[in-house]
Every structure is written in C-alpha cells, then in structure tokens.
C-alpha cells in the first residue's frame, strides 16, 4: 500500500504534467488564432493536441508509483461499483420494480418464445401449403373421374 506522501507525490507529478499540457495547448491555440481558420488550422490544432496528449500519457506511465496508484484506485472503484449495484438491486426489489437481472431474464424468455412462435408459424405455413396441394390433386382426381364416367 502506498503511503500518503507517495500518493501526494504521484498526484503532484500528474497535476504538474497536466498543467504543462494545458499551457502548451493554450499557447498553440493562441498561435493558431493569428492565422485564418482554414482546414489546415484544424489539422494543426489536432496534430498539436495529439502530440501533447501523447507526451502527457508517456510522462504519466513513466512516473514512479503511477501504475501502483492506478491499480489501487481501480480496485477501490470496482469495489464501490459492486456495492453500488447491489444497493440498486435491493432498492429496486423494495420498490417492487423489476431488477436488471429480472428484466434480462424476461427479455431472454421473450426472445425464446418469439423464436418458438416463428418456428410454429413456419411449420403451420408448410402444413397449409401441403393441404392446399393435396386439395388441388384431390379436386383434379375427382374432375378426371367425372370426365371418365361421362365419356362413352
């Protein structure tokens, strides 16, 4: 675990790098305001921002303690997120509002039933088509039989 002074140093290093980045960006922006705003000006600004942001990120990752401090921060926020989600679930249940899990389960069930209904409709269409074909051949057979009876 990092000491308070280590955390403070990481924060100061990060903050001073962030300030340097912003100062560079302000200077670059001021220089660009003296030019006519052409598409190239936007390109220059973006290139400047990209280079300066890259420098800032490189500095951050080279700072001693940055990775460790970031990991500690990440662990604490994931714990907070887990507790927050559990609290929301309890609140939703208490208010008789479906929870995220219940809505997801219901959505899965609806999708399953929708797929089954589609399957049944296809089978029913197939059966109806077969019945129509069967009736047509039966009708033709009856018509042919009547013709044969009437033929002398």
N, C-alpha and C. Protein backbone atom coordinates (compact mmCIF):
# COMPACT_ATOMS: atom_id res chain seq x y z
N UNK A 1 0.84 -1.18 0.00
CA UNK A 1 0.00 0.00 0.00
C UNK A 1 0.89 1.25 0.00
N UNK A 2 0.50 2.21 -0.78
CA UNK A 2 1.29 3.44 -0.88
C UNK A 2 1.03 4.33 0.33
N UNK A 3 2.09 4.99 0.77
CA UNK A 3 1.94 5.94 1.88
C UNK A 3 1.24 7.19 1.36
N UNK A 4 0.79 7.97 2.30
CA UNK A 4 0.11 9.21 1.95
C UNK A 4 1.03 10.14 1.16
N UNK A 5 2.29 10.23 1.56
CA UNK A 5 3.23 11.13 0.86
C UNK A 5 3.51 10.62 -0.55
N UNK A 6 3.56 9.27 -0.73
CA UNK A 6 3.75 8.72 -2.09
C UNK A 6 2.57 9.08 -2.98
N UNK A 7 1.38 8.93 -2.43
CA UNK A 7 0.19 9.27 -3.20
C UNK A 7 0.20 10.76 -3.56
N UNK A 8 0.62 11.57 -2.59
CA UNK A 8 0.68 13.01 -2.82
C UNK A 8 1.66 13.33 -3.93
N UNK A 9 2.83 12.68 -3.91
CA UNK A 9 3.83 12.91 -4.95
C UNK A 9 3.31 12.49 -6.32
N UNK A 10 2.64 11.37 -6.40
CA UNK A 10 2.08 10.92 -7.68
C UNK A 10 1.07 11.96 -8.16
N UNK A 11 0.23 12.43 -7.26
CA UNK A 11 -0.77 13.42 -7.65
C UNK A 11 -0.09 14.71 -8.11
N UNK A 12 0.92 15.18 -7.40
CA UNK A 12 1.61 16.42 -7.77
C UNK A 12 2.28 16.25 -9.13
N UNK A 13 2.95 15.11 -9.34
CA UNK A 13 3.59 14.86 -10.64
C UNK A 13 2.55 14.85 -11.76
N UNK A 14 1.45 14.17 -11.51
CA UNK A 14 0.40 14.10 -12.52
C UNK A 14 -0.18 15.49 -12.78
N UNK A 15 -0.48 16.21 -11.72
CA UNK A 15 -1.08 17.53 -11.86
C UNK A 15 -0.16 18.50 -12.59
N UNK A 16 1.11 18.47 -12.25
CA UNK A 16 2.04 19.40 -12.92
C UNK A 16 2.17 19.03 -14.41
N UNK A 17 2.15 17.74 -14.73
CA UNK A 17 2.19 17.33 -16.14
C UNK A 17 0.92 17.77 -16.86
N UNK A 18 -0.20 17.67 -16.16
CA UNK A 18 -1.47 18.09 -16.74
C UNK A 18 -1.47 19.60 -17.00
N UNK A 19 -0.94 20.36 -16.07
CA UNK A 19 -0.85 21.81 -16.23
C UNK A 19 0.06 22.14 -17.42
N UNK A 20 1.21 21.47 -17.52
CA UNK A 20 2.12 21.69 -18.66
C UNK A 20 1.39 21.42 -19.98
N UNK A 21 0.64 20.34 -20.04
CA UNK A 21 -0.12 20.01 -21.24
C UNK A 21 -1.08 21.15 -21.60
N UNK A 22 -1.82 21.63 -20.62
CA UNK A 22 -2.79 22.70 -20.87
C UNK A 22 -2.12 24.00 -21.28
N UNK A 23 -0.99 24.32 -20.68
CA UNK A 23 -0.26 25.54 -21.06
C UNK A 23 0.19 25.44 -22.52
N UNK A 24 0.74 24.28 -22.91
CA UNK A 24 1.15 24.09 -24.31
C UNK A 24 -0.04 24.24 -25.25
N UNK A 25 -1.15 23.68 -24.87
CA UNK A 25 -2.33 23.73 -25.74
C UNK A 25 -2.86 25.16 -25.86
N UNK A 26 -2.82 25.90 -24.78
CA UNK A 26 -3.26 27.30 -24.82
C UNK A 26 -2.34 28.12 -25.73
N UNK A 27 -1.03 27.90 -25.58
CA UNK A 27 -0.07 28.61 -26.44
C UNK A 27 -0.32 28.27 -27.91
N UNK A 28 -0.48 26.98 -28.21
CA UNK A 28 -0.72 26.57 -29.60
C UNK A 28 -2.03 27.16 -30.12
N UNK A 29 -3.04 27.18 -29.28
CA UNK A 29 -4.33 27.76 -29.69
C UNK A 29 -4.19 29.25 -29.97
N UNK A 30 -3.43 29.94 -29.13
CA UNK A 30 -3.23 31.38 -29.33
C UNK A 30 -2.48 31.65 -30.63
N UNK A 31 -1.48 30.81 -30.92
CA UNK A 31 -0.75 30.97 -32.18
C UNK A 31 -1.67 30.75 -33.37
N UNK A 32 -2.54 29.77 -33.26
CA UNK A 32 -3.45 29.47 -34.37
C UNK A 32 -4.50 30.56 -34.57
N UNK A 33 -4.81 31.32 -33.53
CA UNK A 33 -5.82 32.37 -33.67
C UNK A 33 -5.32 33.52 -34.54
N UNK A 34 -4.01 33.61 -34.71
CA UNK A 34 -3.47 34.67 -35.56
C UNK A 34 -3.59 34.30 -37.04
N UNK A 35 -3.85 33.03 -37.32
CA UNK A 35 -3.99 32.57 -38.70
C UNK A 35 -5.47 32.58 -39.10
N UNK A 36 -5.68 32.60 -40.40
CA UNK A 36 -7.05 32.43 -40.89
C UNK A 36 -7.44 30.97 -40.64
N UNK A 37 -8.69 30.78 -40.23
CA UNK A 37 -9.13 29.42 -39.90
C UNK A 37 -9.49 28.67 -41.18
N UNK A 38 -8.54 27.92 -41.60
CA UNK A 38 -8.68 27.05 -42.77
C UNK A 38 -8.69 25.60 -42.27
N UNK A 39 -9.04 24.68 -43.12
CA UNK A 39 -8.98 23.26 -42.69
C UNK A 39 -7.60 22.87 -42.14
N UNK A 40 -6.56 23.46 -42.68
CA UNK A 40 -5.21 23.16 -42.21
C UNK A 40 -5.03 23.59 -40.76
N UNK A 41 -5.72 24.67 -40.36
CA UNK A 41 -5.60 25.14 -38.98
C UNK A 41 -6.14 24.09 -38.02
N UNK A 42 -7.27 23.49 -38.38
CA UNK A 42 -7.84 22.44 -37.54
C UNK A 42 -6.90 21.24 -37.48
N UNK A 43 -6.28 20.96 -38.62
CA UNK A 43 -5.34 19.85 -38.68
C UNK A 43 -4.13 20.14 -37.78
N UNK A 44 -3.63 21.37 -37.82
CA UNK A 44 -2.51 21.74 -36.96
C UNK A 44 -2.90 21.61 -35.49
N UNK A 45 -4.09 22.10 -35.15
CA UNK A 45 -4.54 22.02 -33.76
C UNK A 45 -4.65 20.57 -33.32
N UNK A 46 -5.26 19.73 -34.16
CA UNK A 46 -5.41 18.33 -33.81
C UNK A 46 -4.03 17.66 -33.65
N UNK A 47 -3.12 17.92 -34.58
CA UNK A 47 -1.78 17.34 -34.52
C UNK A 47 -1.10 17.77 -33.23
N UNK A 48 -1.22 19.07 -32.89
CA UNK A 48 -0.61 19.59 -31.67
C UNK A 48 -1.22 18.91 -30.44
N UNK A 49 -2.53 18.81 -30.43
CA UNK A 49 -3.22 18.16 -29.30
C UNK A 49 -2.76 16.72 -29.17
N UNK A 50 -2.71 16.01 -30.30
CA UNK A 50 -2.34 14.61 -30.30
C UNK A 50 -0.90 14.41 -29.79
N UNK A 51 0.01 15.23 -30.26
CA UNK A 51 1.40 15.11 -29.82
C UNK A 51 1.54 15.42 -28.33
N UNK A 52 0.89 16.52 -27.90
CA UNK A 52 0.98 16.90 -26.49
C UNK A 52 0.31 15.89 -25.58
N UNK A 53 -0.83 15.33 -26.01
CA UNK A 53 -1.51 14.32 -25.21
C UNK A 53 -0.64 13.06 -25.13
N UNK A 54 0.00 12.70 -26.25
CA UNK A 54 0.91 11.56 -26.24
C UNK A 54 2.05 11.76 -25.26
N UNK A 55 2.61 12.97 -25.25
CA UNK A 55 3.68 13.29 -24.29
C UNK A 55 3.18 13.17 -22.86
N UNK A 56 1.98 13.68 -22.60
CA UNK A 56 1.41 13.62 -21.25
C UNK A 56 1.22 12.16 -20.81
N UNK A 57 0.67 11.36 -21.68
CA UNK A 57 0.43 9.95 -21.33
C UNK A 57 1.76 9.23 -21.09
N UNK A 58 2.74 9.51 -21.94
CA UNK A 58 4.06 8.89 -21.74
C UNK A 58 4.65 9.29 -20.40
N UNK A 59 4.56 10.58 -20.05
CA UNK A 59 5.07 11.03 -18.75
C UNK A 59 4.35 10.32 -17.61
N UNK A 60 3.03 10.20 -17.73
CA UNK A 60 2.25 9.57 -16.66
C UNK A 60 2.71 8.13 -16.44
N UNK A 61 2.87 7.38 -17.52
CA UNK A 61 3.24 5.99 -17.37
C UNK A 61 4.68 5.80 -16.91
N UNK A 62 5.50 6.81 -17.05
CA UNK A 62 6.88 6.74 -16.58
C UNK A 62 7.02 7.21 -15.13
N UNK A 63 5.97 7.79 -14.57
CA UNK A 63 6.04 8.29 -13.20
C UNK A 63 6.16 7.12 -12.23
N UNK A 64 7.10 7.24 -11.28
CA UNK A 64 7.19 6.18 -10.26
C UNK A 64 5.91 6.15 -9.44
N UNK A 65 5.39 4.97 -9.23
CA UNK A 65 4.19 4.83 -8.42
C UNK A 65 2.89 5.02 -9.17
N UNK A 66 2.94 5.46 -10.41
CA UNK A 66 1.69 5.72 -11.14
C UNK A 66 0.89 4.43 -11.34
N UNK A 67 1.56 3.37 -11.78
CA UNK A 67 0.86 2.10 -12.03
C UNK A 67 0.25 1.56 -10.74
N UNK A 68 1.04 1.59 -9.67
CA UNK A 68 0.55 1.07 -8.39
C UNK A 68 -0.64 1.90 -7.90
N UNK A 69 -0.51 3.21 -7.99
CA UNK A 69 -1.59 4.09 -7.54
C UNK A 69 -2.84 3.87 -8.40
N UNK A 70 -2.63 3.70 -9.70
CA UNK A 70 -3.76 3.46 -10.59
C UNK A 70 -4.45 2.15 -10.25
N UNK A 71 -3.66 1.13 -9.94
CA UNK A 71 -4.24 -0.18 -9.59
C UNK A 71 -5.05 -0.07 -8.29
N UNK A 72 -4.51 0.63 -7.29
CA UNK A 72 -5.25 0.81 -6.04
C UNK A 72 -6.55 1.56 -6.28
N UNK A 73 -6.49 2.57 -7.11
CA UNK A 73 -7.69 3.34 -7.44
C UNK A 73 -8.70 2.44 -8.15
N UNK A 74 -8.23 1.65 -9.10
CA UNK A 74 -9.10 0.74 -9.84
C UNK A 74 -9.78 -0.25 -8.90
N UNK A 75 -8.99 -0.84 -7.99
CA UNK A 75 -9.57 -1.81 -7.04
C UNK A 75 -10.65 -1.16 -6.18
N UNK A 76 -10.38 0.06 -5.73
CA UNK A 76 -11.37 0.71 -4.87
C UNK A 76 -12.63 1.07 -5.65
N UNK A 77 -12.49 1.47 -6.90
CA UNK A 77 -13.69 1.83 -7.67
C UNK A 77 -14.49 0.60 -8.06
N UNK A 78 -13.82 -0.53 -8.33
CA UNK A 78 -14.59 -1.73 -8.67
C UNK A 78 -15.35 -2.22 -7.45
N UNK A 79 -14.75 -2.12 -6.27
CA UNK A 79 -15.47 -2.48 -5.04
C UNK A 79 -16.66 -1.57 -4.83
N UNK A 80 -16.47 -0.29 -5.07
CA UNK A 80 -17.57 0.67 -4.95
C UNK A 80 -18.68 0.32 -5.94
N UNK A 81 -18.30 0.03 -7.18
CA UNK A 81 -19.28 -0.29 -8.22
C UNK A 81 -20.08 -1.52 -7.84
N UNK A 82 -19.41 -2.54 -7.32
CA UNK A 82 -20.11 -3.77 -6.92
C UNK A 82 -21.12 -3.46 -5.81
N UNK A 83 -20.68 -2.72 -4.79
CA UNK A 83 -21.58 -2.36 -3.69
C UNK A 83 -22.74 -1.50 -4.18
N UNK A 84 -22.46 -0.59 -5.08
CA UNK A 84 -23.50 0.29 -5.63
C UNK A 84 -24.54 -0.54 -6.38
N UNK A 85 -24.08 -1.48 -7.21
CA UNK A 85 -25.02 -2.32 -7.97
C UNK A 85 -25.89 -3.17 -7.04
N UNK A 86 -25.29 -3.71 -5.98
CA UNK A 86 -26.06 -4.50 -5.02
C UNK A 86 -27.10 -3.63 -4.33
N UNK A 87 -26.71 -2.40 -3.99
CA UNK A 87 -27.64 -1.48 -3.33
C UNK A 87 -28.80 -1.13 -4.27
N UNK A 88 -28.51 -0.90 -5.54
CA UNK A 88 -29.56 -0.60 -6.52
C UNK A 88 -30.53 -1.77 -6.64
N UNK A 89 -29.99 -3.00 -6.70
CA UNK A 89 -30.84 -4.19 -6.80
C UNK A 89 -31.79 -4.27 -5.59
N UNK A 90 -31.25 -4.03 -4.38
CA UNK A 90 -32.08 -4.08 -3.18
C UNK A 90 -33.15 -2.99 -3.22
N UNK A 91 -32.79 -1.81 -3.67
CA UNK A 91 -33.74 -0.71 -3.77
C UNK A 91 -34.86 -1.05 -4.75
N UNK A 92 -34.49 -1.58 -5.91
CA UNK A 92 -35.49 -1.92 -6.92
C UNK A 92 -36.45 -2.99 -6.40
N UNK A 93 -35.91 -3.99 -5.70
CA UNK A 93 -36.77 -5.04 -5.13
C UNK A 93 -37.72 -4.44 -4.09
N UNK A 94 -37.19 -3.57 -3.24
CA UNK A 94 -38.01 -2.96 -2.19
C UNK A 94 -39.12 -2.10 -2.79
N UNK A 95 -38.85 -1.47 -3.92
CA UNK A 95 -39.85 -0.61 -4.58
C UNK A 95 -40.76 -1.41 -5.51
N UNK A 96 -40.56 -2.74 -5.54
CA UNK A 96 -41.33 -3.64 -6.40
C UNK A 96 -41.17 -3.27 -7.88
N UNK A 97 -39.94 -2.87 -8.21
CA UNK A 97 -39.57 -2.56 -9.60
C UNK A 97 -38.67 -3.70 -10.05
N UNK A 98 -38.89 -4.21 -11.26
CA UNK A 98 -38.03 -5.32 -11.71
C UNK A 98 -36.55 -4.92 -11.70
N UNK A 99 -35.72 -5.85 -11.26
CA UNK A 99 -34.28 -5.59 -11.24
C UNK A 99 -33.72 -5.79 -12.64
N UNK A 100 -32.47 -5.39 -12.80
CA UNK A 100 -31.80 -5.57 -14.11
C UNK A 100 -31.78 -7.05 -14.48
N UNK A 101 -31.50 -7.88 -13.50
CA UNK A 101 -31.43 -9.33 -13.74
C UNK A 101 -32.80 -9.85 -14.18
N UNK A 102 -33.84 -9.42 -13.50
CA UNK A 102 -35.19 -9.87 -13.86
C UNK A 102 -35.60 -9.40 -15.25
N UNK A 103 -35.24 -8.18 -15.60
CA UNK A 103 -35.55 -7.66 -16.94
C UNK A 103 -34.77 -8.45 -17.99
N UNK A 104 -33.50 -8.76 -17.71
CA UNK A 104 -32.70 -9.56 -18.64
C UNK A 104 -33.29 -10.95 -18.82
N UNK A 105 -33.71 -11.58 -17.70
CA UNK A 105 -34.31 -12.91 -17.79
C UNK A 105 -35.61 -12.87 -18.59
N UNK A 106 -36.40 -11.84 -18.36
CA UNK A 106 -37.66 -11.69 -19.09
C UNK A 106 -37.39 -11.47 -20.58
N UNK A 107 -36.41 -10.69 -20.87
CA UNK A 107 -36.04 -10.43 -22.27
C UNK A 107 -35.60 -11.72 -22.96
N UNK A 108 -34.79 -12.51 -22.25
CA UNK A 108 -34.36 -13.80 -22.82
C UNK A 108 -35.56 -14.71 -23.06
N UNK A 109 -36.49 -14.74 -22.12
CA UNK A 109 -37.68 -15.58 -22.25
C UNK A 109 -38.54 -15.12 -23.42
N UNK A 110 -38.70 -13.82 -23.58
CA UNK A 110 -39.48 -13.29 -24.70
C UNK A 110 -38.82 -13.66 -26.02
N UNK A 111 -37.51 -13.52 -26.10
CA UNK A 111 -36.79 -13.89 -27.32
C UNK A 111 -36.96 -15.38 -27.62
N UNK A 112 -36.89 -16.21 -26.58
CA UNK A 112 -37.07 -17.66 -26.75
C UNK A 112 -38.48 -17.95 -27.29
N UNK A 113 -39.49 -17.34 -26.68
CA UNK A 113 -40.88 -17.56 -27.11
C UNK A 113 -41.10 -17.03 -28.52
N UNK A 114 -40.49 -15.90 -28.84
CA UNK A 114 -40.61 -15.34 -30.18
C UNK A 114 -40.02 -16.30 -31.22
N UNK A 115 -38.87 -16.88 -30.90
CA UNK A 115 -38.25 -17.86 -31.80
C UNK A 115 -39.15 -19.09 -31.98
N UNK A 116 -39.72 -19.57 -30.88
CA UNK A 116 -40.61 -20.73 -30.95
C UNK A 116 -41.85 -20.41 -31.77
N UNK A 117 -42.42 -19.24 -31.58
CA UNK A 117 -43.60 -18.83 -32.34
C UNK A 117 -43.28 -18.77 -33.83
N UNK A 118 -42.13 -18.25 -34.16
CA UNK A 118 -41.70 -18.18 -35.55
C UNK A 118 -41.58 -19.59 -36.15
N UNK A 119 -41.02 -20.51 -35.35
CA UNK A 119 -40.88 -21.90 -35.78
C UNK A 119 -42.26 -22.52 -36.06
N UNK A 120 -43.19 -22.30 -35.14
CA UNK A 120 -44.55 -22.84 -35.28
C UNK A 120 -45.23 -22.26 -36.51
N UNK A 121 -45.07 -20.95 -36.72
CA UNK A 121 -45.68 -20.31 -37.89
C UNK A 121 -45.15 -20.91 -39.19
N UNK A 122 -43.84 -21.17 -39.23
CA UNK A 122 -43.26 -21.77 -40.44
C UNK A 122 -43.82 -23.17 -40.67
N UNK A 123 -43.93 -23.97 -39.59
CA UNK A 123 -44.48 -25.31 -39.72
C UNK A 123 -45.94 -25.26 -40.15
N UNK A 124 -46.71 -24.32 -39.59
CA UNK A 124 -48.11 -24.17 -39.95
C UNK A 124 -48.26 -23.77 -41.42
N UNK A 125 -47.43 -22.84 -41.86
CA UNK A 125 -47.45 -22.44 -43.28
C UNK A 125 -47.14 -23.63 -44.18
N UNK A 126 -46.18 -24.43 -43.78
CA UNK A 126 -45.82 -25.61 -44.55
C UNK A 126 -46.98 -26.60 -44.61
N UNK A 127 -47.63 -26.83 -43.47
CA UNK A 127 -48.79 -27.74 -43.44
C UNK A 127 -49.93 -27.21 -44.30
N UNK A 128 -50.19 -25.90 -44.22
CA UNK A 128 -51.26 -25.31 -45.03
C UNK A 128 -50.94 -25.43 -46.52
N UNK A 129 -49.67 -25.20 -46.89
CA UNK A 129 -49.28 -25.35 -48.28
C UNK A 129 -49.47 -26.79 -48.74
N UNK A 130 -49.09 -27.74 -47.90
CA UNK A 130 -49.26 -29.16 -48.25
C UNK A 130 -50.74 -29.51 -48.40
N UNK A 131 -51.57 -28.96 -47.51
CA UNK A 131 -53.01 -29.24 -47.57
C UNK A 131 -53.59 -28.67 -48.86
N UNK A 132 -53.18 -27.44 -49.23
CA UNK A 132 -53.67 -26.83 -50.47
C UNK A 132 -53.29 -27.68 -51.66
N UNK A 133 -52.05 -28.16 -51.68
CA UNK A 133 -51.59 -29.02 -52.78
C UNK A 133 -52.38 -30.32 -52.79
N UNK A 134 -52.64 -30.86 -51.62
CA UNK A 134 -53.42 -32.10 -51.51
C UNK A 134 -54.83 -31.90 -52.01
N UNK A 135 -55.46 -30.77 -51.68
CA UNK A 135 -56.82 -30.49 -52.13
C UNK A 135 -56.85 -30.31 -53.64
N UNK A 136 -55.86 -29.69 -54.20
CA UNK A 136 -55.82 -29.48 -55.65
C UNK A 136 -55.72 -30.82 -56.36
N UNK A 137 -54.88 -31.71 -55.87
CA UNK A 137 -54.74 -33.01 -56.53
C UNK A 137 -56.00 -33.83 -56.33
N UNK A 138 -56.67 -33.71 -55.17
CA UNK A 138 -57.92 -34.42 -54.93
C UNK A 138 -58.99 -33.89 -55.87
N UNK A 139 -59.03 -32.58 -56.03
CA UNK A 139 -60.02 -31.97 -56.93
C UNK A 139 -59.77 -32.43 -58.36
N UNK A 140 -58.51 -32.49 -58.78
CA UNK A 140 -58.19 -32.94 -60.13
C UNK A 140 -58.59 -34.40 -60.31
N UNK A 141 -58.35 -35.20 -59.30
CA UNK A 141 -58.72 -36.62 -59.39
C UNK A 141 -60.22 -36.77 -59.54
N UNK A 142 -60.99 -36.00 -58.77
CA UNK A 142 -62.46 -36.07 -58.85
C UNK A 142 -62.94 -35.59 -60.22
N UNK A 143 -62.30 -34.53 -60.72
CA UNK A 143 -62.68 -34.00 -62.03
C UNK A 143 -62.37 -35.03 -63.11
N UNK A 144 -61.22 -35.65 -63.05
CA UNK A 144 -60.85 -36.68 -64.03
C UNK A 144 -61.78 -37.88 -63.94
N UNK A 145 -62.17 -38.26 -62.73
CA UNK A 145 -63.08 -39.40 -62.56
C UNK A 145 -64.44 -39.08 -63.15
N UNK A 146 -64.92 -37.83 -62.97
CA UNK A 146 -66.21 -37.43 -63.55
C UNK A 146 -66.13 -37.46 -65.07
N UNK A 147 -64.99 -37.00 -65.61
CA UNK A 147 -64.83 -36.99 -67.07
C UNK A 147 -64.86 -38.42 -67.60
N UNK A 148 -64.20 -39.35 -66.91
CA UNK A 148 -64.18 -40.73 -67.37
C UNK A 148 -65.56 -41.35 -67.32
N UNK A 149 -66.36 -41.02 -66.33
CA UNK A 149 -67.72 -41.56 -66.24
C UNK A 149 -68.59 -41.03 -67.35
N UNK A 150 -68.39 -39.74 -67.70
CA UNK A 150 -69.22 -39.14 -68.74
C UNK A 150 -68.76 -39.53 -70.13
N UNK A 151 -67.53 -40.01 -70.28
CA UNK A 151 -67.04 -40.45 -71.60
C UNK A 151 -67.71 -41.78 -71.98
N UNK A 152 -68.32 -41.86 -73.23
CA UNK A 152 -68.97 -43.11 -73.62
C UNK A 152 -68.00 -44.15 -74.11
